[in-house]
Amino acid sequence: MERKNPSMYPSSSTVDRKTIEGNRRSRMRNLIIMLNSLVQHQGLRGPATLPEQLEEATNFIKRLQINLEKLRERKEKLLRVRNLNSRMRSGVMVNPAETYWIPGINVHQRGSTLEVNLITLSTSDNYPLLLETVGTFHEEGAEVVSVSFSVVGIYVFQTVLSEVHDSRPLVARERILQRLQEL
């Protein structure tokens, strides 16, 4: 009588496990391809390994979460300012204890022009801060084109426009921004 080798005739459970594992791997491969198509790739290098692709996707998602949180905070601040402005326009007296302190230095760049917006309380002495801001521009080689301010309720909004005469305006912008944050 002839003996049958069990490895030659796999049982149905072995076939089922192999099929299930093959299907699982296929689904994972498809999911990774979909994830890769959603990620904005930073470098134009050759094909990345699977761990590199997953690391890049993880970093991309973390950056998106940080940006989303910053945008939510900015939206919240803007809504508070809008609410405060509408209350002031409607003639409602604003209690300084109710208001939110929204300190701010916002820097916008358009070509070689830098626009710095300072938001301070009108109860504080704003003149030295404005002088230091203008001084920072001069020390970094930027020409101040105009300075303006307006007082709305308890806030003072100051705007400084300058021209950066540097061969690398982005580097100059970063230096100026860093120095303004230290004020």
N, C-alpha and C. Protein backbone atom coordinates (compact mmCIF):
# COMPACT_ATOMS: atom_id res chain seq x y z
N MET A 1 0.84 -1.18 0.00
CA MET A 1 0.00 0.00 0.00
C MET A 1 0.88 1.24 0.00
N GLU A 2 0.47 2.21 -0.71
CA GLU A 2 1.25 3.43 -0.89
C GLU A 2 0.87 4.45 0.18
N ARG A 3 1.90 5.05 0.81
CA ARG A 3 1.63 6.09 1.83
C ARG A 3 1.62 7.46 1.17
N LYS A 4 0.72 8.27 1.58
CA LYS A 4 0.62 9.62 1.03
C LYS A 4 1.39 10.58 1.91
N ASN A 5 2.14 11.44 1.28
CA ASN A 5 2.90 12.46 2.01
C ASN A 5 1.95 13.61 2.36
N PRO A 6 1.80 13.94 3.66
CA PRO A 6 0.85 14.99 4.03
C PRO A 6 1.22 16.35 3.47
N SER A 7 2.51 16.60 3.22
CA SER A 7 2.90 17.91 2.69
C SER A 7 2.49 18.07 1.24
N MET A 8 2.28 16.95 0.54
CA MET A 8 1.86 17.03 -0.85
C MET A 8 0.38 17.37 -0.98
N TYR A 9 -0.39 17.01 0.01
CA TYR A 9 -1.83 17.25 -0.01
C TYR A 9 -2.20 18.09 1.21
N PRO A 10 -2.10 19.42 1.08
CA PRO A 10 -2.40 20.25 2.25
C PRO A 10 -3.87 20.16 2.62
N SER A 11 -4.10 20.28 3.89
CA SER A 11 -5.48 20.23 4.36
C SER A 11 -6.21 21.51 3.97
N SER A 12 -7.50 21.49 4.06
CA SER A 12 -8.29 22.66 3.68
C SER A 12 -8.02 23.83 4.61
N SER A 13 -7.70 23.58 5.89
CA SER A 13 -7.43 24.68 6.81
C SER A 13 -6.13 25.39 6.44
N THR A 14 -5.13 24.65 5.94
CA THR A 14 -3.88 25.28 5.50
C THR A 14 -4.14 26.15 4.29
N VAL A 15 -4.92 25.68 3.36
CA VAL A 15 -5.26 26.46 2.17
C VAL A 15 -6.03 27.71 2.58
N ASP A 16 -6.96 27.57 3.49
CA ASP A 16 -7.73 28.72 3.95
C ASP A 16 -6.82 29.77 4.60
N ARG A 17 -5.89 29.32 5.43
CA ARG A 17 -4.98 30.27 6.08
C ARG A 17 -4.10 30.98 5.06
N LYS A 18 -3.62 30.25 4.06
CA LYS A 18 -2.79 30.86 3.03
C LYS A 18 -3.60 31.88 2.22
N THR A 19 -4.83 31.54 1.91
CA THR A 19 -5.70 32.45 1.17
C THR A 19 -5.98 33.71 1.99
N ILE A 20 -6.30 33.51 3.26
CA ILE A 20 -6.58 34.65 4.14
C ILE A 20 -5.36 35.55 4.25
N GLU A 21 -4.19 34.95 4.43
CA GLU A 21 -2.95 35.75 4.55
C GLU A 21 -2.65 36.48 3.24
N GLY A 22 -2.86 35.82 2.12
CA GLY A 22 -2.64 36.46 0.82
C GLY A 22 -3.58 37.64 0.63
N ASN A 23 -4.84 37.46 1.00
CA ASN A 23 -5.82 38.55 0.90
C ASN A 23 -5.45 39.71 1.81
N ARG A 24 -4.99 39.39 3.03
CA ARG A 24 -4.60 40.43 3.98
C ARG A 24 -3.42 41.24 3.43
N ARG A 25 -2.43 40.56 2.89
CA ARG A 25 -1.26 41.26 2.33
C ARG A 25 -1.67 42.13 1.14
N SER A 26 -2.57 41.62 0.33
CA SER A 26 -3.05 42.38 -0.83
C SER A 26 -3.78 43.65 -0.37
N ARG A 27 -4.63 43.52 0.66
CA ARG A 27 -5.34 44.70 1.19
C ARG A 27 -4.36 45.71 1.76
N MET A 28 -3.35 45.23 2.50
CA MET A 28 -2.35 46.14 3.08
C MET A 28 -1.58 46.86 1.98
N ARG A 29 -1.20 46.15 0.93
CA ARG A 29 -0.49 46.75 -0.19
C ARG A 29 -1.34 47.85 -0.83
N ASN A 30 -2.63 47.57 -1.03
CA ASN A 30 -3.53 48.57 -1.61
C ASN A 30 -3.69 49.78 -0.70
N LEU A 31 -3.79 49.55 0.61
CA LEU A 31 -3.90 50.66 1.56
C LEU A 31 -2.65 51.53 1.55
N ILE A 32 -1.48 50.91 1.47
CA ILE A 32 -0.23 51.67 1.43
C ILE A 32 -0.14 52.48 0.15
N ILE A 33 -0.58 51.92 -0.97
CA ILE A 33 -0.58 52.66 -2.23
C ILE A 33 -1.52 53.86 -2.13
N MET A 34 -2.69 53.67 -1.54
CA MET A 34 -3.63 54.79 -1.37
C MET A 34 -3.05 55.86 -0.46
N LEU A 35 -2.44 55.45 0.65
CA LEU A 35 -1.82 56.39 1.58
C LEU A 35 -0.70 57.16 0.89
N ASN A 36 0.11 56.46 0.13
CA ASN A 36 1.21 57.10 -0.59
C ASN A 36 0.71 58.13 -1.59
N SER A 37 -0.43 57.88 -2.21
CA SER A 37 -0.96 58.83 -3.18
C SER A 37 -1.47 60.10 -2.51
N LEU A 38 -1.82 60.03 -1.22
CA LEU A 38 -2.33 61.19 -0.51
C LEU A 38 -1.22 62.06 0.07
N VAL A 39 -0.06 61.49 0.31
CA VAL A 39 1.04 62.20 0.96
C VAL A 39 1.77 63.05 -0.07
N GLN A 40 2.05 64.31 0.32
CA GLN A 40 2.85 65.18 -0.54
C GLN A 40 4.31 64.84 -0.31
N HIS A 41 4.96 64.32 -1.31
CA HIS A 41 6.34 63.88 -1.16
C HIS A 41 7.28 65.08 -1.17
N GLN A 42 8.22 65.10 -0.21
CA GLN A 42 9.13 66.23 -0.03
C GLN A 42 10.27 66.21 -1.03
N GLY A 43 10.84 65.06 -1.28
CA GLY A 43 12.02 64.99 -2.15
C GLY A 43 11.71 64.24 -3.43
N LEU A 44 12.47 64.54 -4.45
CA LEU A 44 12.32 63.84 -5.72
C LEU A 44 13.44 62.82 -5.83
N ARG A 45 13.43 61.84 -4.97
CA ARG A 45 14.45 60.80 -5.02
C ARG A 45 13.81 59.53 -5.55
N GLY A 46 14.60 58.49 -5.62
CA GLY A 46 14.13 57.22 -6.16
C GLY A 46 13.05 56.61 -5.30
N PRO A 47 12.63 55.41 -5.67
CA PRO A 47 11.58 54.74 -4.90
C PRO A 47 12.02 54.49 -3.46
N ALA A 48 11.12 54.75 -2.55
CA ALA A 48 11.42 54.59 -1.13
C ALA A 48 10.98 53.20 -0.67
N THR A 49 11.64 52.75 0.38
CA THR A 49 11.26 51.46 0.95
C THR A 49 9.95 51.64 1.72
N LEU A 50 9.33 50.53 2.05
CA LEU A 50 8.06 50.58 2.77
C LEU A 50 8.18 51.31 4.11
N PRO A 51 9.19 51.02 4.93
CA PRO A 51 9.32 51.78 6.19
C PRO A 51 9.52 53.28 5.96
N GLU A 52 10.28 53.65 4.92
CA GLU A 52 10.47 55.07 4.61
C GLU A 52 9.15 55.72 4.21
N GLN A 53 8.35 55.01 3.41
CA GLN A 53 7.06 55.54 2.99
C GLN A 53 6.14 55.75 4.20
N LEU A 54 6.13 54.78 5.10
CA LEU A 54 5.28 54.90 6.29
C LEU A 54 5.76 56.03 7.20
N GLU A 55 7.08 56.19 7.33
CA GLU A 55 7.64 57.28 8.15
C GLU A 55 7.28 58.63 7.54
N GLU A 56 7.39 58.73 6.22
CA GLU A 56 7.04 59.98 5.54
C GLU A 56 5.55 60.29 5.72
N ALA A 57 4.71 59.30 5.62
CA ALA A 57 3.27 59.50 5.81
C ALA A 57 2.97 59.93 7.24
N THR A 58 3.65 59.31 8.20
CA THR A 58 3.45 59.67 9.61
C THR A 58 3.86 61.11 9.86
N ASN A 59 5.02 61.51 9.34
CA ASN A 59 5.49 62.89 9.51
C ASN A 59 4.54 63.88 8.84
N PHE A 60 4.04 63.51 7.67
CA PHE A 60 3.11 64.38 6.95
C PHE A 60 1.83 64.59 7.76
N ILE A 61 1.30 63.52 8.33
CA ILE A 61 0.08 63.62 9.13
C ILE A 61 0.32 64.47 10.37
N LYS A 62 1.47 64.32 11.01
CA LYS A 62 1.80 65.13 12.19
C LYS A 62 1.89 66.61 11.83
N ARG A 63 2.52 66.92 10.68
CA ARG A 63 2.60 68.32 10.24
C ARG A 63 1.20 68.88 9.98
N LEU A 64 0.33 68.08 9.36
CA LEU A 64 -1.04 68.53 9.12
C LEU A 64 -1.78 68.79 10.42
N GLN A 65 -1.57 67.95 11.42
CA GLN A 65 -2.23 68.15 12.72
C GLN A 65 -1.75 69.44 13.38
N ILE A 66 -0.45 69.71 13.32
CA ILE A 66 0.09 70.94 13.91
C ILE A 66 -0.47 72.16 13.19
N ASN A 67 -0.49 72.12 11.85
CA ASN A 67 -1.04 73.23 11.08
C ASN A 67 -2.52 73.44 11.38
N LEU A 68 -3.26 72.36 11.52
CA LEU A 68 -4.68 72.45 11.83
C LEU A 68 -4.89 73.10 13.19
N GLU A 69 -4.09 72.73 14.17
CA GLU A 69 -4.21 73.32 15.51
C GLU A 69 -3.90 74.82 15.47
N LYS A 70 -2.86 75.21 14.72
CA LYS A 70 -2.53 76.63 14.59
C LYS A 70 -3.68 77.40 13.94
N LEU A 71 -4.26 76.81 12.90
CA LEU A 71 -5.37 77.47 12.22
C LEU A 71 -6.59 77.60 13.12
N ARG A 72 -6.85 76.58 13.94
CA ARG A 72 -7.97 76.67 14.88
C ARG A 72 -7.75 77.78 15.90
N GLU A 73 -6.52 77.90 16.42
CA GLU A 73 -6.22 78.96 17.37
C GLU A 73 -6.38 80.33 16.72
N ARG A 74 -5.89 80.46 15.49
CA ARG A 74 -6.02 81.73 14.78
C ARG A 74 -7.48 82.08 14.54
N LYS A 75 -8.28 81.09 14.14
CA LYS A 75 -9.70 81.32 13.92
C LYS A 75 -10.37 81.78 15.20
N GLU A 76 -10.02 81.14 16.31
CA GLU A 76 -10.61 81.51 17.60
C GLU A 76 -10.27 82.96 17.96
N LYS A 77 -9.02 83.35 17.75
CA LYS A 77 -8.62 84.73 18.05
C LYS A 77 -9.37 85.72 17.16
N LEU A 78 -9.46 85.39 15.87
CA LEU A 78 -10.16 86.29 14.95
C LEU A 78 -11.64 86.42 15.30
N LEU A 79 -12.26 85.33 15.70
CA LEU A 79 -13.66 85.40 16.10
C LEU A 79 -13.85 86.25 17.34
N ARG A 80 -12.90 86.17 18.28
CA ARG A 80 -13.00 87.01 19.48
C ARG A 80 -12.85 88.49 19.13
N VAL A 81 -11.91 88.80 18.23
CA VAL A 81 -11.73 90.19 17.81
C VAL A 81 -12.97 90.68 17.08
N ARG A 82 -13.53 89.85 16.19
CA ARG A 82 -14.73 90.25 15.46
C ARG A 82 -15.89 90.49 16.42
N ASN A 83 -16.04 89.64 17.40
CA ASN A 83 -17.09 89.80 18.40
C ASN A 83 -16.89 91.09 19.18
N LEU A 84 -15.65 91.36 19.56
CA LEU A 84 -15.34 92.58 20.29
C LEU A 84 -15.63 93.81 19.44
N ASN A 85 -15.23 93.78 18.17
CA ASN A 85 -15.48 94.91 17.27
C ASN A 85 -16.97 95.14 17.07
N SER A 86 -17.74 94.08 16.90
CA SER A 86 -19.18 94.26 16.69
C SER A 86 -19.84 94.81 17.95
N ARG A 87 -19.37 94.39 19.12
CA ARG A 87 -19.92 94.93 20.36
C ARG A 87 -19.59 96.41 20.49
N MET A 88 -18.39 96.81 20.08
CA MET A 88 -18.02 98.23 20.17
C MET A 88 -18.82 99.07 19.19
N ARG A 89 -19.03 98.54 17.98
CA ARG A 89 -19.79 99.29 16.97
C ARG A 89 -21.24 99.46 17.38
N SER A 90 -21.77 98.48 18.08
CA SER A 90 -23.17 98.56 18.47
C SER A 90 -23.37 99.46 19.69
N GLY A 91 -22.28 99.99 20.23
CA GLY A 91 -22.40 100.91 21.36
C GLY A 91 -22.39 100.24 22.71
N VAL A 92 -22.20 98.96 22.75
CA VAL A 92 -22.15 98.25 24.02
C VAL A 92 -20.80 98.56 24.67
N MET A 93 -20.85 98.97 25.92
CA MET A 93 -19.60 99.23 26.63
C MET A 93 -18.87 97.91 26.86
N VAL A 94 -17.60 97.93 26.60
CA VAL A 94 -16.80 96.73 26.76
C VAL A 94 -16.08 96.81 28.09
N ASN A 95 -16.30 95.84 28.92
CA ASN A 95 -15.62 95.75 30.20
C ASN A 95 -14.23 95.16 29.96
N PRO A 96 -13.15 95.88 30.30
CA PRO A 96 -11.81 95.35 30.06
C PRO A 96 -11.57 94.01 30.73
N ALA A 97 -12.27 93.74 31.83
CA ALA A 97 -12.09 92.45 32.49
C ALA A 97 -12.68 91.31 31.66
N GLU A 98 -13.67 91.62 30.80
CA GLU A 98 -14.29 90.61 29.96
C GLU A 98 -13.50 90.33 28.70
N THR A 99 -12.70 91.29 28.29
CA THR A 99 -12.03 91.16 27.01
C THR A 99 -10.88 90.18 27.09
N TYR A 100 -10.51 89.71 25.95
CA TYR A 100 -9.41 88.77 25.85
C TYR A 100 -8.18 89.52 25.39
N TRP A 101 -7.08 89.26 26.03
CA TRP A 101 -5.83 89.89 25.61
C TRP A 101 -5.28 89.08 24.45
N ILE A 102 -5.18 89.73 23.32
CA ILE A 102 -4.70 89.08 22.12
C ILE A 102 -3.42 89.78 21.69
N PRO A 103 -2.32 89.47 22.33
CA PRO A 103 -1.08 90.11 21.92
C PRO A 103 -0.70 89.57 20.55
N GLY A 104 -0.03 90.36 19.81
CA GLY A 104 0.32 89.81 18.52
C GLY A 104 1.35 90.59 17.76
N ILE A 105 2.18 89.85 17.10
CA ILE A 105 3.08 90.38 16.10
C ILE A 105 2.88 89.49 14.89
N ASN A 106 2.31 90.04 13.86
CA ASN A 106 2.10 89.30 12.62
C ASN A 106 2.99 89.90 11.55
N VAL A 107 3.73 89.06 10.85
CA VAL A 107 4.63 89.52 9.80
C VAL A 107 4.16 88.90 8.49
N HIS A 108 3.95 89.76 7.50
CA HIS A 108 3.54 89.32 6.16
C HIS A 108 4.58 89.81 5.18
N GLN A 109 4.92 88.97 4.22
CA GLN A 109 5.90 89.35 3.21
C GLN A 109 5.28 89.29 1.84
N ARG A 110 5.46 90.35 1.09
CA ARG A 110 5.02 90.40 -0.31
C ARG A 110 6.21 90.88 -1.11
N GLY A 111 6.91 89.94 -1.71
CA GLY A 111 8.13 90.29 -2.43
C GLY A 111 9.18 90.78 -1.45
N SER A 112 9.67 92.00 -1.67
CA SER A 112 10.67 92.55 -0.75
C SER A 112 10.04 93.42 0.33
N THR A 113 8.70 93.51 0.35
CA THR A 113 8.00 94.33 1.34
C THR A 113 7.61 93.47 2.54
N LEU A 114 7.92 93.99 3.73
CA LEU A 114 7.51 93.34 4.97
C LEU A 114 6.47 94.22 5.65
N GLU A 115 5.38 93.62 6.07
CA GLU A 115 4.36 94.34 6.83
C GLU A 115 4.27 93.70 8.21
N VAL A 116 4.50 94.51 9.25
CA VAL A 116 4.43 94.02 10.62
C VAL A 116 3.24 94.67 11.29
N ASN A 117 2.36 93.84 11.84
CA ASN A 117 1.19 94.33 12.57
C ASN A 117 1.40 94.01 14.04
N LEU A 118 1.36 95.04 14.88
CA LEU A 118 1.49 94.88 16.32
C LEU A 118 0.13 95.13 16.95
N ILE A 119 -0.29 94.27 17.84
CA ILE A 119 -1.54 94.45 18.56
C ILE A 119 -1.18 94.54 20.04
N THR A 120 -1.50 95.67 20.65
CA THR A 120 -1.20 95.87 22.07
C THR A 120 -2.41 96.49 22.75
N LEU A 121 -2.36 96.51 24.06
CA LEU A 121 -3.41 97.18 24.83
C LEU A 121 -3.16 98.68 24.84
N SER A 122 -4.23 99.46 24.77
CA SER A 122 -4.06 100.91 24.78
C SER A 122 -3.67 101.41 26.16
N THR A 123 -3.84 100.59 27.18
CA THR A 123 -3.47 101.02 28.53
C THR A 123 -1.97 100.91 28.77
N SER A 124 -1.27 100.16 27.92
CA SER A 124 0.17 100.02 28.10
C SER A 124 0.90 101.11 27.31
N ASP A 125 2.17 101.28 27.61
CA ASP A 125 2.99 102.27 26.93
C ASP A 125 3.51 101.65 25.64
N ASN A 126 2.90 102.00 24.51
CA ASN A 126 3.21 101.36 23.24
C ASN A 126 4.36 102.00 22.49
N TYR A 127 4.69 103.23 22.84
CA TYR A 127 5.70 103.96 22.08
C TYR A 127 7.06 103.26 22.08
N PRO A 128 7.58 102.80 23.24
CA PRO A 128 8.88 102.11 23.20
C PRO A 128 8.87 100.85 22.33
N LEU A 129 7.77 100.11 22.33
CA LEU A 129 7.69 98.91 21.49
C LEU A 129 7.75 99.29 20.01
N LEU A 130 7.07 100.35 19.65
CA LEU A 130 7.10 100.80 18.26
C LEU A 130 8.50 101.26 17.88
N LEU A 131 9.17 102.00 18.78
CA LEU A 131 10.54 102.44 18.50
C LEU A 131 11.48 101.25 18.35
N GLU A 132 11.33 100.26 19.20
CA GLU A 132 12.19 99.07 19.10
C GLU A 132 11.93 98.32 17.80
N THR A 133 10.68 98.29 17.37
CA THR A 133 10.34 97.61 16.11
C THR A 133 10.99 98.32 14.94
N VAL A 134 10.86 99.64 14.89
CA VAL A 134 11.47 100.42 13.81
C VAL A 134 12.99 100.28 13.87
N GLY A 135 13.55 100.31 15.09
CA GLY A 135 15.00 100.14 15.25
C GLY A 135 15.47 98.79 14.75
N THR A 136 14.68 97.76 14.98
CA THR A 136 15.03 96.42 14.51
C THR A 136 15.11 96.39 12.99
N PHE A 137 14.17 97.05 12.33
CA PHE A 137 14.20 97.11 10.87
C PHE A 137 15.47 97.79 10.38
N HIS A 138 15.81 98.92 10.99
CA HIS A 138 17.01 99.65 10.57
C HIS A 138 18.27 98.83 10.81
N GLU A 139 18.35 98.16 11.95
CA GLU A 139 19.54 97.36 12.26
C GLU A 139 19.71 96.18 11.31
N GLU A 140 18.60 95.66 10.80
CA GLU A 140 18.67 94.52 9.89
C GLU A 140 18.75 94.95 8.43
N GLY A 141 18.89 96.25 8.19
CA GLY A 141 19.08 96.74 6.82
C GLY A 141 17.80 96.93 6.03
N ALA A 142 16.67 97.04 6.69
CA ALA A 142 15.40 97.26 6.00
C ALA A 142 15.03 98.74 6.12
N GLU A 143 14.41 99.26 5.08
CA GLU A 143 13.99 100.66 5.07
C GLU A 143 12.51 100.75 5.46
N VAL A 144 12.21 101.54 6.50
CA VAL A 144 10.83 101.71 6.94
C VAL A 144 10.15 102.69 5.98
N VAL A 145 9.08 102.24 5.35
CA VAL A 145 8.36 103.04 4.37
C VAL A 145 7.25 103.84 5.04
N SER A 146 6.49 103.19 5.92
CA SER A 146 5.42 103.90 6.62
C SER A 146 5.11 103.23 7.94
N VAL A 147 4.56 104.04 8.86
CA VAL A 147 4.13 103.57 10.17
C VAL A 147 2.75 104.16 10.41
N SER A 148 1.81 103.33 10.81
CA SER A 148 0.47 103.84 11.11
C SER A 148 -0.09 103.09 12.31
N PHE A 149 -1.11 103.68 12.93
CA PHE A 149 -1.75 103.01 14.05
C PHE A 149 -3.20 103.42 14.11
N SER A 150 -3.98 102.60 14.78
CA SER A 150 -5.37 102.95 15.06
C SER A 150 -5.73 102.35 16.41
N VAL A 151 -6.61 103.05 17.12
CA VAL A 151 -7.05 102.61 18.43
C VAL A 151 -8.49 102.17 18.30
N VAL A 152 -8.76 100.94 18.70
CA VAL A 152 -10.11 100.39 18.68
C VAL A 152 -10.39 99.86 20.08
N GLY A 153 -11.24 100.59 20.81
CA GLY A 153 -11.53 100.16 22.17
C GLY A 153 -10.29 100.19 23.04
N ILE A 154 -9.94 99.05 23.57
CA ILE A 154 -8.76 98.98 24.43
C ILE A 154 -7.53 98.48 23.69
N TYR A 155 -7.63 98.29 22.38
CA TYR A 155 -6.51 97.77 21.59
C TYR A 155 -5.91 98.85 20.71
N VAL A 156 -4.60 98.75 20.51
CA VAL A 156 -3.89 99.61 19.57
C VAL A 156 -3.33 98.70 18.48
N PHE A 157 -3.71 98.98 17.24
CA PHE A 157 -3.21 98.23 16.10
C PHE A 157 -2.20 99.10 15.38
N GLN A 158 -0.95 98.66 15.34
CA GLN A 158 0.12 99.41 14.71
C GLN A 158 0.62 98.63 13.50
N THR A 159 0.87 99.35 12.42
CA THR A 159 1.36 98.71 11.20
C THR A 159 2.64 99.39 10.76
N VAL A 160 3.66 98.59 10.50
CA VAL A 160 4.94 99.10 10.01
C VAL A 160 5.21 98.42 8.67
N LEU A 161 5.36 99.24 7.61
CA LEU A 161 5.70 98.72 6.29
C LEU A 161 7.16 99.02 6.00
N SER A 162 7.87 98.04 5.48
CA SER A 162 9.29 98.26 5.19
C SER A 162 9.68 97.52 3.91
N GLU A 163 10.76 97.99 3.33
CA GLU A 163 11.35 97.36 2.15
C GLU A 163 12.66 96.71 2.57
N VAL A 164 12.81 95.43 2.25
CA VAL A 164 14.04 94.72 2.57
C VAL A 164 14.96 94.79 1.36
N HIS A 165 16.13 95.38 1.56
CA HIS A 165 17.11 95.51 0.47
C HIS A 165 18.23 94.50 0.69
N ASP A 166 17.86 93.24 0.78
CA ASP A 166 18.82 92.17 1.03
C ASP A 166 18.74 91.23 -0.16
N SER A 167 19.86 90.61 -0.49
CA SER A 167 19.84 89.67 -1.61
C SER A 167 19.03 88.42 -1.28
N ARG A 168 18.84 88.16 0.02
CA ARG A 168 18.04 87.01 0.45
C ARG A 168 16.93 87.51 1.37
N PRO A 169 15.80 87.95 0.81
CA PRO A 169 14.74 88.53 1.64
C PRO A 169 14.14 87.56 2.64
N LEU A 170 14.11 86.27 2.33
CA LEU A 170 13.55 85.30 3.27
C LEU A 170 14.41 85.18 4.52
N VAL A 171 15.73 85.23 4.34
CA VAL A 171 16.64 85.16 5.49
C VAL A 171 16.49 86.42 6.34
N ALA A 172 16.41 87.58 5.68
CA ALA A 172 16.22 88.84 6.41
C ALA A 172 14.90 88.82 7.15
N ARG A 173 13.85 88.31 6.51
CA ARG A 173 12.54 88.23 7.16
C ARG A 173 12.62 87.38 8.42
N GLU A 174 13.29 86.24 8.34
CA GLU A 174 13.40 85.35 9.50
C GLU A 174 14.19 86.01 10.63
N ARG A 175 15.26 86.73 10.29
CA ARG A 175 16.04 87.43 11.32
C ARG A 175 15.19 88.49 12.00
N ILE A 176 14.46 89.27 11.20
CA ILE A 176 13.61 90.33 11.75
C ILE A 176 12.52 89.72 12.62
N LEU A 177 11.88 88.67 12.13
CA LEU A 177 10.81 88.01 12.89
C LEU A 177 11.34 87.48 14.22
N GLN A 178 12.51 86.87 14.20
CA GLN A 178 13.10 86.33 15.43
C GLN A 178 13.37 87.45 16.43
N ARG A 179 13.90 88.56 15.95
CA ARG A 179 14.19 89.68 16.85
C ARG A 179 12.91 90.31 17.38
N LEU A 180 11.87 90.37 16.56
CA LEU A 180 10.60 90.95 17.02
C LEU A 180 9.95 90.05 18.07
N GLN A 181 10.08 88.75 17.92
CA GLN A 181 9.50 87.84 18.91
C GLN A 181 10.20 88.00 20.26
N GLU A 182 11.45 88.43 20.26
CA GLU A 182 12.20 88.61 21.51
C GLU A 182 11.78 89.88 22.24
N LEU A 183 11.11 90.81 21.56
CA LEU A 183 10.73 92.08 22.20
C LEU A 183 9.74 91.86 23.32
